[in-house]
Amino acid sequence: MTVTLKDFYADWCGPCKTQDPILEDLEEEWADVEFEKINVDEEQDVANEYQVRSLPTLIIENDDGIVERFVGVTQADDIDDALQQASA
């Protein structure tokens, strides 16, 4: 099963900078998950497709579709739980 974590962010977003190290640590633990950073200023069409209205927004998808959506800074444990669910 393919699992992807989409990280919607902007360079000017303070909370996004807080989210970054959390995601970097998780990316090391979850080698089989694709981590995708999407700059909403550069990829507005993708942000619109996923109906992103606030930053940061994290969307976890697998082959069945969206498993979880987090808005705002999200702690590693919550993301980890969602990745486990998506990988099951």
Protein backbone atom coordinates (compact mmCIF):
# COMPACT_ATOMS: atom_id res chain seq x y z
CA MET A 1 0.00 0.00 0.00
CA THR A 2 1.26 3.46 -0.91
CA VAL A 3 1.05 6.03 1.88
CA THR A 4 1.68 9.74 1.29
CA LEU A 5 1.84 12.63 3.74
CA LYS A 6 1.20 15.95 2.02
CA ASP A 7 2.51 18.95 3.96
CA PHE A 8 0.83 22.16 2.79
CA TYR A 9 2.91 25.15 3.89
CA ALA A 10 4.11 28.65 2.97
CA ASP A 11 7.50 30.26 3.56
CA TRP A 12 5.85 33.13 5.49
CA CYS A 13 3.93 30.78 7.83
CA GLY A 14 5.35 30.76 11.39
CA PRO A 15 3.49 27.62 12.55
CA CYS A 16 4.77 25.82 9.44
CA LYS A 17 8.32 26.40 10.66
CA THR A 18 7.32 24.79 13.98
CA GLN A 19 5.87 21.79 12.11
CA ASP A 20 8.99 21.19 9.97
CA PRO A 21 11.28 19.51 12.57
CA ILE A 22 8.43 17.24 13.68
CA LEU A 23 7.95 16.06 10.10
CA GLU A 24 11.69 15.69 9.53
CA ASP A 25 11.93 13.32 12.52
CA LEU A 26 8.93 11.30 11.32
CA GLU A 27 10.34 11.08 7.80
CA GLU A 28 13.39 9.29 9.21
CA GLU A 29 11.18 6.78 11.05
CA TRP A 30 8.75 6.19 8.19
CA ALA A 31 11.03 5.35 5.26
CA ASP A 32 8.17 3.66 3.37
CA VAL A 33 5.96 6.79 3.47
CA GLU A 34 6.29 9.47 0.81
CA PHE A 35 6.56 12.92 2.40
CA GLU A 36 5.53 15.65 -0.03
CA LYS A 37 5.98 19.37 0.73
CA ILE A 38 3.52 21.59 -1.14
CA ASN A 39 4.11 25.35 -1.10
CA VAL A 40 0.61 26.83 -1.40
CA ASP A 41 1.96 30.05 -2.92
CA GLU A 42 3.53 28.09 -5.79
CA GLU A 43 0.95 25.31 -6.13
CA GLN A 44 -2.37 27.02 -5.49
CA ASP A 45 -4.20 24.58 -7.77
CA VAL A 46 -3.16 21.61 -5.59
CA ALA A 47 -4.12 23.51 -2.42
CA ASN A 48 -7.53 24.24 -3.94
CA GLU A 49 -7.99 20.62 -5.00
CA TYR A 50 -7.46 19.53 -1.37
CA GLN A 51 -9.51 22.47 -0.03
CA VAL A 52 -6.64 23.79 2.09
CA ARG A 53 -7.78 26.94 3.92
CA SER A 54 -5.33 27.15 6.85
CA LEU A 55 -1.65 26.43 7.32
CA PRO A 56 -0.04 24.16 8.09
CA THR A 57 -2.35 21.44 6.78
CA LEU A 58 -1.23 17.82 6.69
CA ILE A 59 -3.11 15.26 4.62
CA ILE A 60 -2.35 11.56 4.89
CA GLU A 61 -3.50 9.42 1.97
CA ASN A 62 -3.25 5.80 1.00
CA ASP A 63 -4.56 3.81 -1.97
CA ASP A 64 -8.11 4.16 -0.62
CA GLY A 65 -7.98 7.99 -0.42
CA ILE A 66 -7.61 10.50 2.40
CA VAL A 67 -7.15 8.82 5.77
CA GLU A 68 -6.56 11.88 7.96
CA ARG A 69 -6.38 15.67 7.76
CA PHE A 70 -4.65 17.81 10.37
CA VAL A 71 -4.92 21.61 10.48
CA GLY A 72 -2.44 23.56 12.58
CA VAL A 73 0.73 22.36 14.23
CA THR A 74 0.29 18.64 14.90
CA GLN A 75 2.33 16.61 17.35
CA ALA A 76 4.38 13.60 16.25
CA ASP A 77 2.26 11.08 18.20
CA ASP A 78 -0.93 12.10 16.37
CA ILE A 79 0.76 11.94 12.97
CA ASP A 80 2.38 8.62 13.87
CA ASP A 81 -1.01 7.12 14.81
CA ALA A 82 -2.53 8.28 11.53
CA LEU A 83 0.39 6.85 9.53
CA GLN A 84 -0.05 3.51 11.28
CA GLN A 85 -3.75 3.55 10.41
CA ALA A 86 -3.02 4.47 6.78
CA SER A 87 -0.41 1.72 6.47
CA ALA A 88 -2.64 -1.02 7.90
